[in-house]
C-alpha atoms as a PDB file:
ATOM      1  CA  MET A   1       7.541 -15.888  -7.979  1.00  0.00           C
ATOM      2  CA  ASN A   2       6.552 -18.802  -6.316  1.00  0.00           C
ATOM      3  CA  SER A   3       2.901 -20.522  -6.293  1.00  0.00           C
ATOM      4  CA  VAL A   4       0.026 -18.799  -4.663  1.00  0.00           C
ATOM      5  CA  VAL A   5      -2.027 -20.174  -1.948  1.00  0.00           C
ATOM      6  CA  LEU A   6      -5.877 -19.674  -3.489  1.00  0.00           C
ATOM      7  CA  ASP A   7      -8.576 -18.962  -0.989  1.00  0.00           C
ATOM      8  CA  ALA A   8     -12.010 -20.586  -1.671  1.00  0.00           C
ATOM      9  CA  SER A   9     -13.346 -17.094  -3.270  1.00  0.00           C
ATOM     10  CA  ALA A  10     -10.412 -17.208  -6.042  1.00  0.00           C
ATOM     11  CA  LEU A  11     -11.121 -20.842  -7.209  1.00  0.00           C
ATOM     12  CA  LEU A  12     -14.807 -19.825  -7.151  1.00  0.00           C
ATOM     13  CA  ALA A  13     -14.367 -16.935  -9.422  1.00  0.00           C
ATOM     14  CA  VAL A  14     -12.413 -19.316 -11.858  1.00  0.00           C
ATOM     15  CA  LEU A  15     -14.957 -22.101 -11.629  1.00  0.00           C
ATOM     16  CA  LEU A  16     -17.721 -19.563 -11.873  1.00  0.00           C
ATOM     17  CA  VAL A  17     -16.233 -17.242 -14.478  1.00  0.00           C
ATOM     18  CA  GLU A  18     -16.600 -14.343 -12.115  1.00  0.00           C
ATOM     19  CA  ARG A  19     -15.326 -11.324 -12.041  1.00  0.00           C
ATOM     20  CA  GLY A  20     -11.775 -11.667 -11.041  1.00  0.00           C
ATOM     21  CA  ALA A  21     -10.915 -15.023 -12.987  1.00  0.00           C
ATOM     22  CA  ALA A  22      -8.366 -13.656 -15.257  1.00  0.00           C
ATOM     23  CA  LYS A  23      -6.594 -12.217 -12.725  1.00  0.00           C
ATOM     24  CA  VAL A  24      -6.360 -15.559 -10.876  1.00  0.00           C
ATOM     25  CA  ARG A  25      -5.435 -17.302 -14.225  1.00  0.00           C
ATOM     26  CA  GLU A  26      -2.797 -15.127 -14.786  1.00  0.00           C
ATOM     27  CA  LEU A  27      -1.033 -15.820 -11.298  1.00  0.00           C
ATOM     28  CA  ARG A  28       1.735 -18.497 -11.527  1.00  0.00           C
ATOM     29  CA  SER A  29       0.598 -22.277 -11.235  1.00  0.00           C
ATOM     30  CA  PRO A  30       0.581 -24.709 -10.119  1.00  0.00           C
ATOM     31  CA  TRP A  31      -1.636 -23.255  -7.409  1.00  0.00           C
ATOM     32  CA  LEU A  32      -1.844 -24.395  -4.128  1.00  0.00           C
ATOM     33  CA  ILE A  33      -5.021 -24.590  -2.233  1.00  0.00           C
ATOM     34  CA  SER A  34      -6.308 -25.923   0.948  1.00  0.00           C
ATOM     35  CA  ALA A  35      -8.494 -29.209   1.371  1.00  0.00           C
ATOM     36  CA  VAL A  36     -10.504 -27.141   3.766  1.00  0.00           C
ATOM     37  CA  ASN A  37     -11.303 -24.562   0.659  1.00  0.00           C
ATOM     38  CA  LEU A  38     -11.669 -27.236  -1.809  1.00  0.00           C
ATOM     39  CA  SER A  39     -14.625 -28.223   0.447  1.00  0.00           C
ATOM     40  CA  GLU A  40     -15.776 -24.783   0.233  1.00  0.00           C
ATOM     41  CA  VAL A  41     -15.421 -24.601  -2.815  1.00  0.00           C
ATOM     42  CA  VAL A  42     -17.497 -28.123  -3.929  1.00  0.00           C
ATOM     43  CA  ALA A  43     -20.098 -26.917  -1.107  1.00  0.00           C
ATOM     44  CA  THR A  44     -20.524 -23.300  -2.642  1.00  0.00           C
ATOM     45  CA  ALA A  45     -20.817 -24.806  -6.240  1.00  0.00           C
ATOM     46  CA  VAL A  46     -23.502 -27.386  -5.241  1.00  0.00           C
ATOM     47  CA  GLU A  47     -25.491 -24.676  -3.160  1.00  0.00           C
ATOM     48  CA  ARG A  48     -25.530 -22.759  -6.829  1.00  0.00           C
ATOM     49  CA  GLY A  49     -27.186 -26.098  -8.602  1.00  0.00           C
ATOM     50  CA  LEU A  50     -23.849 -27.969  -9.394  1.00  0.00           C
ATOM     51  CA  THR A  51     -23.290 -31.542  -8.887  1.00  0.00           C
ATOM     52  CA  VAL A  52     -20.378 -32.762  -7.088  1.00  0.00           C
ATOM     53  CA  ASP A  53     -19.747 -34.966  -9.969  1.00  0.00           C
ATOM     54  CA  SER A  54     -19.706 -31.894 -12.531  1.00  0.00           C
ATOM     55  CA  VAL A  55     -17.331 -29.870 -10.574  1.00  0.00           C
ATOM     56  CA  MET A  56     -14.928 -33.049  -9.768  1.00  0.00           C
ATOM     57  CA  PRO A  57     -13.378 -33.153 -13.378  1.00  0.00           C
ATOM     58  CA  VAL A  58     -13.215 -29.352 -13.929  1.00  0.00           C
ATOM     59  CA  LEU A  59     -11.157 -28.580 -10.679  1.00  0.00           C
ATOM     60  CA  SER A  60      -8.775 -31.993 -11.610  1.00  0.00           C
ATOM     61  CA  GLY A  61      -8.314 -30.092 -14.952  1.00  0.00           C
ATOM     62  CA  LEU A  62      -6.551 -27.047 -13.447  1.00  0.00           C
ATOM     63  CA  SER A  63      -3.120 -26.663 -12.204  1.00  0.00           C
ATOM     64  CA  MET A  64      -3.790 -27.229  -8.692  1.00  0.00           C
ATOM     65  CA  GLN A  65      -2.371 -29.061  -6.034  1.00  0.00           C
ATOM     66  CA  VAL A  66      -4.367 -29.572  -3.091  1.00  0.00           C
ATOM     67  CA  ILE A  67      -2.629 -29.674   0.380  1.00  0.00           C
ATOM     68  CA  PRO A  68      -3.879 -31.651   3.249  1.00  0.00           C
ATOM     69  CA  PHE A  69      -4.875 -29.397   6.308  1.00  0.00           C
ATOM     70  CA  ASP A  70      -2.473 -30.640   8.793  1.00  0.00           C
ATOM     71  CA  VAL A  71      -1.502 -30.301  12.477  1.00  0.00           C
ATOM     72  CA  ASP A  72       0.556 -27.278  12.295  1.00  0.00           C
ATOM     73  CA  GLN A  73      -1.553 -25.656   9.967  1.00  0.00           C
ATOM     74  CA  ALA A  74      -4.115 -26.152  12.690  1.00  0.00           C
ATOM     75  CA  TYR A  75      -2.382 -24.284  15.104  1.00  0.00           C
ATOM     76  CA  LEU A  76      -1.397 -21.686  12.912  1.00  0.00           C
ATOM     77  CA  ALA A  77      -5.561 -21.104  11.992  1.00  0.00           C
ATOM     78  CA  ALA A  78      -5.995 -21.121  15.713  1.00  0.00           C
ATOM     79  CA  SER A  79      -3.287 -18.660  16.746  1.00  0.00           C
ATOM     80  CA  PHE A  80      -4.755 -16.098  13.971  1.00  0.00           C
ATOM     81  CA  ARG A  81      -8.335 -16.226  15.756  1.00  0.00           C
ATOM     82  CA  PRO A  82      -7.654 -13.439  18.083  1.00  0.00           C
ATOM     83  CA  MET A  83      -6.538 -11.258  15.582  1.00  0.00           C
ATOM     84  CA  THR A  84      -8.773 -12.002  12.842  1.00  0.00           C
ATOM     85  CA  ARG A  85     -12.168 -12.446  14.760  1.00  0.00           C
ATOM     86  CA  MET A  86     -13.288  -8.811  14.562  1.00  0.00           C
ATOM     87  CA  LEU A  87     -12.744  -9.100  11.120  1.00  0.00           C
ATOM     88  CA  GLY A  88     -15.424 -11.987  10.595  1.00  0.00           C
ATOM     89  CA  LEU A  89     -12.528 -14.615   8.847  1.00  0.00           C
ATOM     90  CA  SER A  90     -14.026 -18.287   9.497  1.00  0.00           C
ATOM     91  CA  LEU A  91     -11.953 -21.255   9.766  1.00  0.00           C
ATOM     92  CA  GLY A  92     -11.746 -21.772   6.086  1.00  0.00           C
ATOM     93  CA  ASP A  93     -10.221 -18.222   5.781  1.00  0.00           C
ATOM     94  CA  ARG A  94      -7.369 -18.854   8.309  1.00  0.00           C
ATOM     95  CA  ALA A  95      -6.712 -22.083   6.947  1.00  0.00           C
ATOM     96  CA  CYS A  96      -5.921 -20.655   3.871  1.00  0.00           C
ATOM     97  CA  LEU A  97      -3.722 -18.066   5.372  1.00  0.00           C
ATOM     98  CA  ALA A  98      -1.962 -20.670   7.436  1.00  0.00           C
ATOM     99  CA  LEU A  99      -1.087 -22.722   4.380  1.00  0.00           C
ATOM    100  CA  GLY A 100       0.189 -19.321   2.813  1.00  0.00           C
ATOM    101  CA  LEU A 101       2.270 -18.473   6.052  1.00  0.00           C
ATOM    102  CA  LYS A 102       3.561 -22.186   6.082  1.00  0.00           C
ATOM    103  CA  THR A 103       4.520 -22.518   2.354  1.00  0.00           C
ATOM    104  CA  GLY A 104       5.896 -18.854   2.119  1.00  0.00           C
ATOM    105  CA  CYS A 105       3.699 -18.235  -0.645  1.00  0.00           C
ATOM    106  CA  SER A 106       1.176 -15.492  -1.302  1.00  0.00           C
ATOM    107  CA  VAL A 107      -2.623 -15.875  -0.571  1.00  0.00           C
ATOM    108  CA  VAL A 108      -5.166 -14.926  -3.357  1.00  0.00           C
ATOM    109  CA  THR A 109      -8.535 -13.724  -2.363  1.00  0.00           C
ATOM    110  CA  ALA A 110     -11.359 -11.728  -3.240  1.00  0.00           C
ATOM    111  CA  ASP A 111     -12.563 -10.839   0.523  1.00  0.00           C
ATOM    112  CA  LYS A 112     -11.616  -6.995   1.486  1.00  0.00           C
ATOM    113  CA  ALA A 113     -11.740  -7.791   4.832  1.00  0.00           C
ATOM    114  CA  TRP A 114      -8.567  -9.656   4.796  1.00  0.00           C
ATOM    115  CA  ASP A 115      -6.847  -6.086   3.510  1.00  0.00           C
ATOM    116  CA  ALA A 116      -6.586  -5.295   7.270  1.00  0.00           C
ATOM    117  CA  CYS A 117      -5.037  -8.830   8.544  1.00  0.00           C
ATOM    118  CA  ASP A 118      -1.597  -8.775   9.026  1.00  0.00           C
ATOM    119  CA  VAL A 119      -0.576 -12.127  10.000  1.00  0.00           C
ATOM    120  CA  GLY A 120       2.899 -12.015   8.214  1.00  0.00           C
ATOM    121  CA  VAL A 121       1.299 -13.199   4.499  1.00  0.00           C
ATOM    122  CA  GLU A 122       1.198 -11.347   1.262  1.00  0.00           C
ATOM    123  CA  ILE A 123      -2.406 -11.005   0.390  1.00  0.00           C
ATOM    124  CA  ILE A 124      -3.070 -10.539  -3.304  1.00  0.00           C
ATOM    125  CA  GLN A 125      -6.424  -9.126  -4.230  1.00  0.00           C
ATOM    126  CA  ILE A 126      -8.272 -10.141  -7.533  1.00  0.00           C
ATOM    127  CA  ARG A 127     -11.274  -7.578  -7.239  1.00  0.00           C
END
């Protein structure tokens, strides 16, 4: 199995030791994550009372590769909008799916709405 692409919800489960964290940790690493989704994770952690300075070393200690959001991914994410709009998927969600499609890796999420999404990427649910 290849590496997997983590959605913000999957990495947050690991960072905050939430339900589903064990399932994420079982998946082959190094994990991949879009820089867009990493930003979501850090922002959510800060909203929950952590600091950027406390989160950075924890995330840096994980076997994870942060992938810049590039032009190809931008166009892919935009092309997913018509088929994901009714599901409520955000730009961050679509960035994760675009990275999965671009790398040929499965994507990992806790967002059940993704199950109704068919963009050509395998979706692994953690909950």
